[in-house]
mmCIF file of all heavy atoms, coordinates in Angstrom:
data_MODEL
# 
_entry.id   MODEL 
# 
loop_
_atom_site.group_PDB 
_atom_site.id 
_atom_site.type_symbol 
_atom_site.label_atom_id 
_atom_site.label_alt_id 
_atom_site.label_comp_id 
_atom_site.label_asym_id 
_atom_site.label_entity_id 
_atom_site.label_seq_id 
_atom_site.pdbx_PDB_ins_code 
_atom_site.Cartn_x 
_atom_site.Cartn_y 
_atom_site.Cartn_z 
_atom_site.occupancy 
_atom_site.B_iso_or_equiv 
_atom_site.pdbx_formal_charge 
_atom_site.auth_seq_id 
_atom_site.auth_comp_id 
_atom_site.auth_asym_id 
_atom_site.auth_atom_id 
_atom_site.pdbx_PDB_model_num 
ATOM 1   N N   . PHE A 1 1  ? 53.968 82.942 97.721  1.00 0.00 ? 1  PHE A N   1 
ATOM 2   C CA  . PHE A 1 1  ? 54.595 82.154 98.742  1.00 0.00 ? 1  PHE A CA  1 
ATOM 3   C C   . PHE A 1 1  ? 53.596 81.782 99.852  1.00 0.00 ? 1  PHE A C   1 
ATOM 4   O O   . PHE A 1 1  ? 52.433 82.270 99.906  1.00 0.00 ? 1  PHE A O   1 
ATOM 5   C CB  . PHE A 1 1  ? 55.678 83.007 99.537  1.00 0.00 ? 1  PHE A CB  1 
ATOM 6   C CG  . PHE A 1 1  ? 56.894 83.092 98.689  1.00 0.00 ? 1  PHE A CG  1 
ATOM 7   C CD1 . PHE A 1 1  ? 56.879 84.102 97.622  1.00 0.00 ? 1  PHE A CD1 1 
ATOM 8   C CD2 . PHE A 1 1  ? 58.060 82.478 98.808  1.00 0.00 ? 1  PHE A CD2 1 
ATOM 9   C CE1 . PHE A 1 1  ? 57.914 84.272 96.748  1.00 0.00 ? 1  PHE A CE1 1 
ATOM 10  C CE2 . PHE A 1 1  ? 59.175 82.658 97.984  1.00 0.00 ? 1  PHE A CE2 1 
ATOM 11  C CZ  . PHE A 1 1  ? 59.142 83.621 97.034  1.00 0.00 ? 1  PHE A CZ  1 
ATOM 12  N N   . ARG A 1 2  ? 53.962 80.850 100.690 1.00 0.00 ? 2  ARG A N   1 
ATOM 13  C CA  . ARG A 1 2  ? 52.987 80.429 101.743 1.00 0.00 ? 2  ARG A CA  1 
ATOM 14  C C   . ARG A 1 2  ? 53.832 80.107 103.033 1.00 0.00 ? 2  ARG A C   1 
ATOM 15  O O   . ARG A 1 2  ? 54.969 79.644 102.902 1.00 0.00 ? 2  ARG A O   1 
ATOM 16  C CB  . ARG A 1 2  ? 52.106 79.284 101.416 1.00 0.00 ? 2  ARG A CB  1 
ATOM 17  C CG  . ARG A 1 2  ? 52.902 77.880 101.143 1.00 0.00 ? 2  ARG A CG  1 
ATOM 18  C CD  . ARG A 1 2  ? 51.880 76.848 100.687 1.00 0.00 ? 2  ARG A CD  1 
ATOM 19  N NE  . ARG A 1 2  ? 52.525 75.536 100.465 1.00 0.00 ? 2  ARG A NE  1 
ATOM 20  C CZ  . ARG A 1 2  ? 51.859 74.539 99.829  1.00 0.00 ? 2  ARG A CZ  1 
ATOM 21  N NH1 . ARG A 1 2  ? 50.638 74.621 99.494  1.00 0.00 ? 2  ARG A NH1 1 
ATOM 22  N NH2 . ARG A 1 2  ? 52.569 73.397 99.856  1.00 0.00 ? 2  ARG A NH2 1 
ATOM 23  N N   . GLN A 1 3  ? 53.185 80.210 104.225 1.00 0.00 ? 3  GLN A N   1 
ATOM 24  C CA  . GLN A 1 3  ? 53.829 79.880 105.475 1.00 0.00 ? 3  GLN A CA  1 
ATOM 25  C C   . GLN A 1 3  ? 52.915 79.165 106.384 1.00 0.00 ? 3  GLN A C   1 
ATOM 26  O O   . GLN A 1 3  ? 51.878 79.716 106.767 1.00 0.00 ? 3  GLN A O   1 
ATOM 27  C CB  . GLN A 1 3  ? 54.280 81.132 106.187 1.00 0.00 ? 3  GLN A CB  1 
ATOM 28  C CG  . GLN A 1 3  ? 55.122 80.799 107.481 1.00 0.00 ? 3  GLN A CG  1 
ATOM 29  C CD  . GLN A 1 3  ? 55.960 82.034 107.971 1.00 0.00 ? 3  GLN A CD  1 
ATOM 30  O OE1 . GLN A 1 3  ? 55.617 83.097 107.633 1.00 0.00 ? 3  GLN A OE1 1 
ATOM 31  N NE2 . GLN A 1 3  ? 56.907 81.750 108.697 1.00 0.00 ? 3  GLN A NE2 1 
ATOM 32  N N   . ALA A 1 4  ? 53.163 77.888 106.524 1.00 0.00 ? 4  ALA A N   1 
ATOM 33  C CA  . ALA A 1 4  ? 52.292 77.033 107.476 1.00 0.00 ? 4  ALA A CA  1 
ATOM 34  C C   . ALA A 1 4  ? 52.647 77.181 108.907 1.00 0.00 ? 4  ALA A C   1 
ATOM 35  O O   . ALA A 1 4  ? 53.758 77.756 109.180 1.00 0.00 ? 4  ALA A O   1 
ATOM 36  C CB  . ALA A 1 4  ? 52.457 75.588 107.065 1.00 0.00 ? 4  ALA A CB  1 
ATOM 37  N N   . PRO A 1 5  ? 51.815 76.954 109.787 1.00 0.00 ? 5  PRO A N   1 
ATOM 38  C CA  . PRO A 1 5  ? 52.117 77.124 111.285 1.00 0.00 ? 5  PRO A CA  1 
ATOM 39  C C   . PRO A 1 5  ? 53.401 76.420 111.565 1.00 0.00 ? 5  PRO A C   1 
ATOM 40  O O   . PRO A 1 5  ? 53.573 75.242 111.386 1.00 0.00 ? 5  PRO A O   1 
ATOM 41  C CB  . PRO A 1 5  ? 50.870 76.540 111.858 1.00 0.00 ? 5  PRO A CB  1 
ATOM 42  C CG  . PRO A 1 5  ? 49.738 76.674 110.901 1.00 0.00 ? 5  PRO A CG  1 
ATOM 43  C CD  . PRO A 1 5  ? 50.501 76.534 109.509 1.00 0.00 ? 5  PRO A CD  1 
ATOM 44  N N   . GLY A 1 6  ? 54.212 77.101 112.255 1.00 0.00 ? 6  GLY A N   1 
ATOM 45  C CA  . GLY A 1 6  ? 55.496 76.504 112.724 1.00 0.00 ? 6  GLY A CA  1 
ATOM 46  C C   . GLY A 1 6  ? 56.546 76.255 111.679 1.00 0.00 ? 6  GLY A C   1 
ATOM 47  O O   . GLY A 1 6  ? 57.599 75.642 111.942 1.00 0.00 ? 6  GLY A O   1 
ATOM 48  N N   . LYS A 1 7  ? 56.311 76.672 110.533 1.00 0.00 ? 7  LYS A N   1 
ATOM 49  C CA  . LYS A 1 7  ? 57.257 76.372 109.423 1.00 0.00 ? 7  LYS A CA  1 
ATOM 50  C C   . LYS A 1 7  ? 57.735 77.754 108.777 1.00 0.00 ? 7  LYS A C   1 
ATOM 51  O O   . LYS A 1 7  ? 57.084 78.778 108.963 1.00 0.00 ? 7  LYS A O   1 
ATOM 52  C CB  . LYS A 1 7  ? 56.673 75.575 108.245 1.00 0.00 ? 7  LYS A CB  1 
ATOM 53  C CG  . LYS A 1 7  ? 56.273 74.160 108.839 1.00 0.00 ? 7  LYS A CG  1 
ATOM 54  C CD  . LYS A 1 7  ? 55.899 73.299 107.670 1.00 0.00 ? 7  LYS A CD  1 
ATOM 55  C CE  . LYS A 1 7  ? 55.584 71.872 108.206 1.00 0.00 ? 7  LYS A CE  1 
ATOM 56  N NZ  . LYS A 1 7  ? 55.140 70.986 107.047 1.00 0.00 ? 7  LYS A NZ  1 
ATOM 57  N N   . GLY A 1 8  ? 58.767 77.685 107.975 1.00 0.00 ? 8  GLY A N   1 
ATOM 58  C CA  . GLY A 1 8  ? 59.247 78.836 107.245 1.00 0.00 ? 8  GLY A CA  1 
ATOM 59  C C   . GLY A 1 8  ? 58.390 79.161 105.969 1.00 0.00 ? 8  GLY A C   1 
ATOM 60  O O   . GLY A 1 8  ? 57.576 78.273 105.593 1.00 0.00 ? 8  GLY A O   1 
ATOM 61  N N   . ARG A 1 9  ? 58.591 80.235 105.409 1.00 0.00 ? 9  ARG A N   1 
ATOM 62  C CA  . ARG A 1 9  ? 57.837 80.579 104.230 1.00 0.00 ? 9  ARG A CA  1 
ATOM 63  C C   . ARG A 1 9  ? 58.472 79.922 103.043 1.00 0.00 ? 9  ARG A C   1 
ATOM 64  O O   . ARG A 1 9  ? 59.735 79.927 102.924 1.00 0.00 ? 9  ARG A O   1 
ATOM 65  C CB  . ARG A 1 9  ? 57.894 82.093 104.116 1.00 0.00 ? 9  ARG A CB  1 
ATOM 66  C CG  . ARG A 1 9  ? 56.906 82.714 103.040 1.00 0.00 ? 9  ARG A CG  1 
ATOM 67  C CD  . ARG A 1 9  ? 56.614 84.155 103.279 1.00 0.00 ? 9  ARG A CD  1 
ATOM 68  N NE  . ARG A 1 9  ? 57.739 84.956 103.402 1.00 0.00 ? 9  ARG A NE  1 
ATOM 69  C CZ  . ARG A 1 9  ? 57.754 86.299 103.750 1.00 0.00 ? 9  ARG A CZ  1 
ATOM 70  N NH1 . ARG A 1 9  ? 56.545 86.792 103.969 1.00 0.00 ? 9  ARG A NH1 1 
ATOM 71  N NH2 . ARG A 1 9  ? 58.762 87.014 103.774 1.00 0.00 ? 9  ARG A NH2 1 
ATOM 72  N N   . GLU A 1 10 ? 57.537 79.453 102.216 1.00 0.00 ? 10 GLU A N   1 
ATOM 73  C CA  . GLU A 1 10 ? 58.085 78.707 101.009 1.00 0.00 ? 10 GLU A CA  1 
ATOM 74  C C   . GLU A 1 10 ? 57.456 79.207 99.766  1.00 0.00 ? 10 GLU A C   1 
ATOM 75  O O   . GLU A 1 10 ? 56.281 79.673 99.659  1.00 0.00 ? 10 GLU A O   1 
ATOM 76  C CB  . GLU A 1 10 ? 57.729 77.162 101.166 1.00 0.00 ? 10 GLU A CB  1 
ATOM 77  C CG  . GLU A 1 10 ? 56.364 76.698 101.227 1.00 0.00 ? 10 GLU A CG  1 
ATOM 78  C CD  . GLU A 1 10 ? 56.122 75.271 101.232 1.00 0.00 ? 10 GLU A CD  1 
ATOM 79  O OE1 . GLU A 1 10 ? 56.972 74.500 101.313 1.00 0.00 ? 10 GLU A OE1 1 
ATOM 80  O OE2 . GLU A 1 10 ? 54.928 74.855 101.222 1.00 0.00 ? 10 GLU A OE2 1 
ATOM 81  N N   . PHE A 1 11 ? 58.140 79.022 98.654  1.00 0.00 ? 11 PHE A N   1 
ATOM 82  C CA  . PHE A 1 11 ? 57.758 79.358 97.370  1.00 0.00 ? 11 PHE A CA  1 
ATOM 83  C C   . PHE A 1 11 ? 56.587 78.439 96.906  1.00 0.00 ? 11 PHE A C   1 
ATOM 84  O O   . PHE A 1 11 ? 56.595 77.256 97.079  1.00 0.00 ? 11 PHE A O   1 
ATOM 85  C CB  . PHE A 1 11 ? 58.891 79.261 96.405  1.00 0.00 ? 11 PHE A CB  1 
ATOM 86  C CG  . PHE A 1 11 ? 58.517 79.453 94.892  1.00 0.00 ? 11 PHE A CG  1 
ATOM 87  C CD1 . PHE A 1 11 ? 58.340 80.734 94.360  1.00 0.00 ? 11 PHE A CD1 1 
ATOM 88  C CD2 . PHE A 1 11 ? 58.419 78.344 94.060  1.00 0.00 ? 11 PHE A CD2 1 
ATOM 89  C CE1 . PHE A 1 11 ? 58.121 80.932 93.075  1.00 0.00 ? 11 PHE A CE1 1 
ATOM 90  C CE2 . PHE A 1 11 ? 58.072 78.568 92.814  1.00 0.00 ? 11 PHE A CE2 1 
ATOM 91  C CZ  . PHE A 1 11 ? 57.887 79.827 92.282  1.00 0.00 ? 11 PHE A CZ  1 
ATOM 92  N N   . VAL A 1 12 ? 55.635 79.031 96.148  1.00 0.00 ? 12 VAL A N   1 
ATOM 93  C CA  . VAL A 1 12 ? 54.534 78.285 95.628  1.00 0.00 ? 12 VAL A CA  1 
ATOM 94  C C   . VAL A 1 12 ? 54.549 78.369 94.073  1.00 0.00 ? 12 VAL A C   1 
ATOM 95  O O   . VAL A 1 12 ? 54.584 77.336 93.398  1.00 0.00 ? 12 VAL A O   1 
ATOM 96  C CB  . VAL A 1 12 ? 53.121 78.830 96.157  1.00 0.00 ? 12 VAL A CB  1 
ATOM 97  C CG1 . VAL A 1 12 ? 52.071 78.036 95.543  1.00 0.00 ? 12 VAL A CG1 1 
ATOM 98  C CG2 . VAL A 1 12 ? 53.157 78.602 97.647  1.00 0.00 ? 12 VAL A CG2 1 
ATOM 99  N N   . ALA A 1 13 ? 54.480 79.661 93.523  1.00 0.00 ? 13 ALA A N   1 
ATOM 100 C CA  . ALA A 1 13 ? 54.412 79.705 92.137  1.00 0.00 ? 13 ALA A CA  1 
ATOM 101 C C   . ALA A 1 13 ? 54.807 81.206 91.753  1.00 0.00 ? 13 ALA A C   1 
ATOM 102 O O   . ALA A 1 13 ? 54.679 82.116 92.578  1.00 0.00 ? 13 ALA A O   1 
ATOM 103 C CB  . ALA A 1 13 ? 52.977 79.498 91.630  1.00 0.00 ? 13 ALA A CB  1 
ATOM 104 N N   . ALA A 1 14 ? 55.252 81.330 90.562  1.00 0.00 ? 14 ALA A N   1 
ATOM 105 C CA  . ALA A 1 14 ? 55.679 82.695 89.960  1.00 0.00 ? 14 ALA A CA  1 
ATOM 106 C C   . ALA A 1 14 ? 55.251 82.847 88.574  1.00 0.00 ? 14 ALA A C   1 
ATOM 107 O O   . ALA A 1 14 ? 55.102 81.740 87.812  1.00 0.00 ? 14 ALA A O   1 
ATOM 108 C CB  . ALA A 1 14 ? 57.095 82.987 90.104  1.00 0.00 ? 14 ALA A CB  1 
ATOM 109 N N   . ILE A 1 15 ? 55.082 84.112 88.085  1.00 0.00 ? 15 ILE A N   1 
ATOM 110 C CA  . ILE A 1 15 ? 54.677 84.388 86.657  1.00 0.00 ? 15 ILE A CA  1 
ATOM 111 C C   . ILE A 1 15 ? 55.364 85.605 86.355  1.00 0.00 ? 15 ILE A C   1 
ATOM 112 O O   . ILE A 1 15 ? 55.466 86.579 87.154  1.00 0.00 ? 15 ILE A O   1 
ATOM 113 C CB  . ILE A 1 15 ? 53.164 84.397 86.635  1.00 0.00 ? 15 ILE A CB  1 
ATOM 114 C CG1 . ILE A 1 15 ? 52.736 84.477 85.106  1.00 0.00 ? 15 ILE A CG1 1 
ATOM 115 C CG2 . ILE A 1 15 ? 52.556 85.587 87.451  1.00 0.00 ? 15 ILE A CG2 1 
ATOM 116 C CD1 . ILE A 1 15 ? 51.281 84.269 84.882  1.00 0.00 ? 15 ILE A CD1 1 
ATOM 117 N N   . LEU A 1 16 ? 55.805 85.670 85.080  1.00 0.00 ? 16 LEU A N   1 
ATOM 118 C CA  . LEU A 1 16 ? 56.323 86.917 84.559  1.00 0.00 ? 16 LEU A CA  1 
ATOM 119 C C   . LEU A 1 16 ? 55.231 87.817 83.985  1.00 0.00 ? 16 LEU A C   1 
ATOM 120 O O   . LEU A 1 16 ? 54.369 87.369 83.260  1.00 0.00 ? 16 LEU A O   1 
ATOM 121 C CB  . LEU A 1 16 ? 57.359 86.646 83.480  1.00 0.00 ? 16 LEU A CB  1 
ATOM 122 C CG  . LEU A 1 16 ? 58.725 86.318 83.783  1.00 0.00 ? 16 LEU A CG  1 
ATOM 123 C CD1 . LEU A 1 16 ? 58.830 85.087 84.685  1.00 0.00 ? 16 LEU A CD1 1 
ATOM 124 C CD2 . LEU A 1 16 ? 59.677 86.228 82.526  1.00 0.00 ? 16 LEU A CD2 1 
ATOM 125 N N   . TRP A 1 17 ? 55.296 89.099 84.263  1.00 0.00 ? 17 TRP A N   1 
ATOM 126 C CA  . TRP A 1 17 ? 54.336 90.073 83.815  1.00 0.00 ? 17 TRP A CA  1 
ATOM 127 C C   . TRP A 1 17 ? 54.446 90.042 82.187  1.00 0.00 ? 17 TRP A C   1 
ATOM 128 O O   . TRP A 1 17 ? 53.338 90.015 81.578  1.00 0.00 ? 17 TRP A O   1 
ATOM 129 C CB  . TRP A 1 17 ? 54.677 91.502 84.182  1.00 0.00 ? 17 TRP A CB  1 
ATOM 130 C CG  . TRP A 1 17 ? 54.093 91.926 85.548  1.00 0.00 ? 17 TRP A CG  1 
ATOM 131 C CD1 . TRP A 1 17 ? 54.784 92.243 86.605  1.00 0.00 ? 17 TRP A CD1 1 
ATOM 132 C CD2 . TRP A 1 17 ? 52.829 91.856 85.978  1.00 0.00 ? 17 TRP A CD2 1 
ATOM 133 N NE1 . TRP A 1 17 ? 53.969 92.481 87.693  1.00 0.00 ? 17 TRP A NE1 1 
ATOM 134 C CE2 . TRP A 1 17 ? 52.702 92.293 87.345  1.00 0.00 ? 17 TRP A CE2 1 
ATOM 135 C CE3 . TRP A 1 17 ? 51.586 91.436 85.353  1.00 0.00 ? 17 TRP A CE3 1 
ATOM 136 C CZ2 . TRP A 1 17 ? 51.567 92.429 88.137  1.00 0.00 ? 17 TRP A CZ2 1 
ATOM 137 C CZ3 . TRP A 1 17 ? 50.320 91.653 86.155  1.00 0.00 ? 17 TRP A CZ3 1 
ATOM 138 C CH2 . TRP A 1 17 ? 50.351 92.083 87.384  1.00 0.00 ? 17 TRP A CH2 1 
ATOM 139 N N   . SER A 1 18 ? 55.593 90.021 81.687  1.00 0.00 ? 18 SER A N   1 
ATOM 140 C CA  . SER A 1 18 ? 55.721 90.015 80.202  1.00 0.00 ? 18 SER A CA  1 
ATOM 141 C C   . SER A 1 18 ? 55.937 88.541 79.703  1.00 0.00 ? 18 SER A C   1 
ATOM 142 O O   . SER A 1 18 ? 56.902 87.882 80.146  1.00 0.00 ? 18 SER A O   1 
ATOM 143 C CB  . SER A 1 18 ? 56.899 90.796 79.816  1.00 0.00 ? 18 SER A CB  1 
ATOM 144 O OG  . SER A 1 18 ? 57.118 90.821 78.432  1.00 0.00 ? 18 SER A OG  1 
ATOM 145 N N   . GLY A 1 19 ? 55.033 88.131 78.898  1.00 0.00 ? 19 GLY A N   1 
ATOM 146 C CA  . GLY A 1 19 ? 55.097 86.805 78.335  1.00 0.00 ? 19 GLY A CA  1 
ATOM 147 C C   . GLY A 1 19 ? 54.394 85.747 79.099  1.00 0.00 ? 19 GLY A C   1 
ATOM 148 O O   . GLY A 1 19 ? 53.922 84.760 78.511  1.00 0.00 ? 19 GLY A O   1 
ATOM 149 N N   . GLY A 1 20 ? 54.328 85.837 80.423  1.00 0.00 ? 20 GLY A N   1 
ATOM 150 C CA  . GLY A 1 20 ? 53.461 84.935 81.207  1.00 0.00 ? 20 GLY A CA  1 
ATOM 151 C C   . GLY A 1 20 ? 54.200 83.627 81.526  1.00 0.00 ? 20 GLY A C   1 
ATOM 152 O O   . GLY A 1 20 ? 53.543 82.661 81.989  1.00 0.00 ? 20 GLY A O   1 
ATOM 153 N N   . SER A 1 21 ? 55.506 83.491 81.422  1.00 0.00 ? 21 SER A N   1 
ATOM 154 C CA  . SER A 1 21 ? 56.104 82.275 81.784  1.00 0.00 ? 21 SER A CA  1 
ATOM 155 C C   . SER A 1 21 ? 55.869 81.886 83.299  1.00 0.00 ? 21 SER A C   1 
ATOM 156 O O   . SER A 1 21 ? 55.954 82.930 84.154  1.00 0.00 ? 21 SER A O   1 
ATOM 157 C CB  . SER A 1 21 ? 57.595 82.316 81.623  1.00 0.00 ? 21 SER A CB  1 
ATOM 158 O OG  . SER A 1 21 ? 57.940 82.332 80.194  1.00 0.00 ? 21 SER A OG  1 
ATOM 159 N N   . THR A 1 22 ? 55.639 80.645 83.625  1.00 0.00 ? 22 THR A N   1 
ATOM 160 C CA  . THR A 1 22 ? 55.331 80.355 85.037  1.00 0.00 ? 22 THR A CA  1 
ATOM 161 C C   . THR A 1 22 ? 56.347 79.306 85.536  1.00 0.00 ? 22 THR A C   1 
ATOM 162 O O   . THR A 1 22 ? 56.967 78.548 84.787  1.00 0.00 ? 22 THR A O   1 
ATOM 163 C CB  . THR A 1 22 ? 53.963 79.714 85.096  1.00 0.00 ? 22 THR A CB  1 
ATOM 164 O OG1 . THR A 1 22 ? 53.874 78.582 84.207  1.00 0.00 ? 22 THR A OG1 1 
ATOM 165 C CG2 . THR A 1 22 ? 52.928 80.722 84.635  1.00 0.00 ? 22 THR A CG2 1 
ATOM 166 N N   . THR A 1 23 ? 56.389 79.257 86.874  1.00 0.00 ? 23 THR A N   1 
ATOM 167 C CA  . THR A 1 23 ? 57.236 78.405 87.695  1.00 0.00 ? 23 THR A CA  1 
ATOM 168 C C   . THR A 1 23 ? 56.438 77.872 88.883  1.00 0.00 ? 23 THR A C   1 
ATOM 169 O O   . THR A 1 23 ? 55.752 78.694 89.413  1.00 0.00 ? 23 THR A O   1 
ATOM 170 C CB  . THR A 1 23 ? 58.614 79.033 88.181  1.00 0.00 ? 23 THR A CB  1 
ATOM 171 O OG1 . THR A 1 23 ? 59.340 79.452 86.941  1.00 0.00 ? 23 THR A OG1 1 
ATOM 172 C CG2 . THR A 1 23 ? 59.436 78.055 88.962  1.00 0.00 ? 23 THR A CG2 1 
ATOM 173 N N   . TYR A 1 24 ? 56.519 76.634 89.187  1.00 0.00 ? 24 TYR A N   1 
ATOM 174 C CA  . TYR A 1 24 ? 55.770 75.989 90.260  1.00 0.00 ? 24 TYR A CA  1 
ATOM 175 C C   . TYR A 1 24 ? 56.629 75.202 91.161  1.00 0.00 ? 24 TYR A C   1 
ATOM 176 O O   . TYR A 1 24 ? 57.607 74.599 90.712  1.00 0.00 ? 24 TYR A O   1 
ATOM 177 C CB  . TYR A 1 24 ? 54.639 75.137 89.709  1.00 0.00 ? 24 TYR A CB  1 
ATOM 178 C CG  . TYR A 1 24 ? 53.517 75.892 89.019  1.00 0.00 ? 24 TYR A CG  1 
ATOM 179 C CD1 . TYR A 1 24 ? 53.593 75.916 87.554  1.00 0.00 ? 24 TYR A CD1 1 
ATOM 180 C CD2 . TYR A 1 24 ? 52.475 76.395 89.668  1.00 0.00 ? 24 TYR A CD2 1 
ATOM 181 C CE1 . TYR A 1 24 ? 52.612 76.608 86.865  1.00 0.00 ? 24 TYR A CE1 1 
ATOM 182 C CE2 . TYR A 1 24 ? 51.384 77.073 88.985  1.00 0.00 ? 24 TYR A CE2 1 
ATOM 183 C CZ  . TYR A 1 24 ? 51.580 77.180 87.605  1.00 0.00 ? 24 TYR A CZ  1 
ATOM 184 O OH  . TYR A 1 24 ? 50.593 77.838 86.860  1.00 0.00 ? 24 TYR A OH  1 
ATOM 185 N N   . ALA A 1 25 ? 56.287 75.241 92.526  1.00 0.00 ? 25 ALA A N   1 
ATOM 186 C CA  . ALA A 1 25 ? 56.957 74.260 93.378  1.00 0.00 ? 25 ALA A CA  1 
ATOM 187 C C   . ALA A 1 25 ? 56.467 72.880 92.992  1.00 0.00 ? 25 ALA A C   1 
ATOM 188 O O   . ALA A 1 25 ? 55.323 72.729 92.624  1.00 0.00 ? 25 ALA A O   1 
ATOM 189 C CB  . ALA A 1 25 ? 56.648 74.698 94.778  1.00 0.00 ? 25 ALA A CB  1 
ATOM 190 N N   . GLU A 1 26 ? 57.180 71.885 93.236  1.00 0.00 ? 26 GLU A N   1 
ATOM 191 C CA  . GLU A 1 26 ? 56.874 70.541 92.968  1.00 0.00 ? 26 GLU A CA  1 
ATOM 192 C C   . GLU A 1 26 ? 55.528 70.113 93.652  1.00 0.00 ? 26 GLU A C   1 
ATOM 193 O O   . GLU A 1 26 ? 54.799 69.290 93.174  1.00 0.00 ? 26 GLU A O   1 
ATOM 194 C CB  . GLU A 1 26 ? 57.977 69.588 93.402  1.00 0.00 ? 26 GLU A CB  1 
ATOM 195 C CG  . GLU A 1 26 ? 59.145 69.642 92.380  1.00 0.00 ? 26 GLU A CG  1 
ATOM 196 C CD  . GLU A 1 26 ? 58.841 69.201 90.936  1.00 0.00 ? 26 GLU A CD  1 
ATOM 197 O OE1 . GLU A 1 26 ? 58.019 68.217 90.847  1.00 0.00 ? 26 GLU A OE1 1 
ATOM 198 O OE2 . GLU A 1 26 ? 59.369 69.807 89.965  1.00 0.00 ? 26 GLU A OE2 1 
ATOM 199 N N   . SER A 1 27 ? 55.414 70.559 94.880  1.00 0.00 ? 27 SER A N   1 
ATOM 200 C CA  . SER A 1 27 ? 54.335 70.202 95.841  1.00 0.00 ? 27 SER A CA  1 
ATOM 201 C C   . SER A 1 27 ? 52.906 70.682 95.303  1.00 0.00 ? 27 SER A C   1 
ATOM 202 O O   . SER A 1 27 ? 51.909 70.092 95.719  1.00 0.00 ? 27 SER A O   1 
ATOM 203 C CB  . SER A 1 27 ? 54.548 70.646 97.207  1.00 0.00 ? 27 SER A CB  1 
ATOM 204 O OG  . SER A 1 27 ? 54.646 72.154 97.200  1.00 0.00 ? 27 SER A OG  1 
ATOM 205 N N   . VAL A 1 28 ? 52.949 71.553 94.336  1.00 0.00 ? 28 VAL A N   1 
ATOM 206 C CA  . VAL A 1 28 ? 51.699 72.136 93.890  1.00 0.00 ? 28 VAL A CA  1 
ATOM 207 C C   . VAL A 1 28 ? 51.567 71.922 92.353  1.00 0.00 ? 28 VAL A C   1 
ATOM 208 O O   . VAL A 1 28 ? 50.454 72.204 91.862  1.00 0.00 ? 28 VAL A O   1 
ATOM 209 C CB  . VAL A 1 28 ? 51.482 73.576 94.194  1.00 0.00 ? 28 VAL A CB  1 
ATOM 210 C CG1 . VAL A 1 28 ? 51.643 73.797 95.741  1.00 0.00 ? 28 VAL A CG1 1 
ATOM 211 C CG2 . VAL A 1 28 ? 52.383 74.462 93.404  1.00 0.00 ? 28 VAL A CG2 1 
ATOM 212 N N   . LYS A 1 29 ? 52.495 71.377 91.694  1.00 0.00 ? 29 LYS A N   1 
ATOM 213 C CA  . LYS A 1 29 ? 52.356 71.188 90.297  1.00 0.00 ? 29 LYS A CA  1 
ATOM 214 C C   . LYS A 1 29 ? 51.174 70.215 89.916  1.00 0.00 ? 29 LYS A C   1 
ATOM 215 O O   . LYS A 1 29 ? 50.945 69.225 90.508  1.00 0.00 ? 29 LYS A O   1 
ATOM 216 C CB  . LYS A 1 29 ? 53.616 70.562 89.782  1.00 0.00 ? 29 LYS A CB  1 
ATOM 217 C CG  . LYS A 1 29 ? 54.756 71.534 89.457  1.00 0.00 ? 29 LYS A CG  1 
ATOM 218 C CD  . LYS A 1 29 ? 55.917 70.875 88.713  1.00 0.00 ? 29 LYS A CD  1 
ATOM 219 C CE  . LYS A 1 29 ? 57.005 71.839 88.327  1.00 0.00 ? 29 LYS A CE  1 
ATOM 220 N NZ  . LYS A 1 29 ? 58.223 71.211 87.806  1.00 0.00 ? 29 LYS A NZ  1 
ATOM 221 N N   . GLY A 1 30 ? 50.417 70.670 88.928  1.00 0.00 ? 30 GLY A N   1 
ATOM 222 C CA  . GLY A 1 30 ? 49.244 69.924 88.518  1.00 0.00 ? 30 GLY A CA  1 
ATOM 223 C C   . GLY A 1 30 ? 48.080 70.175 89.270  1.00 0.00 ? 30 GLY A C   1 
ATOM 224 O O   . GLY A 1 30 ? 46.889 69.794 88.967  1.00 0.00 ? 30 GLY A O   1 
# 
């Protein structure tokens, strides 16, 4: 997750320990 100055904390990316499936926020995809 990340938190910019003056903003709330937002999701960035996640990964499963088993299998390794990933999820990304649209703002960081690619």
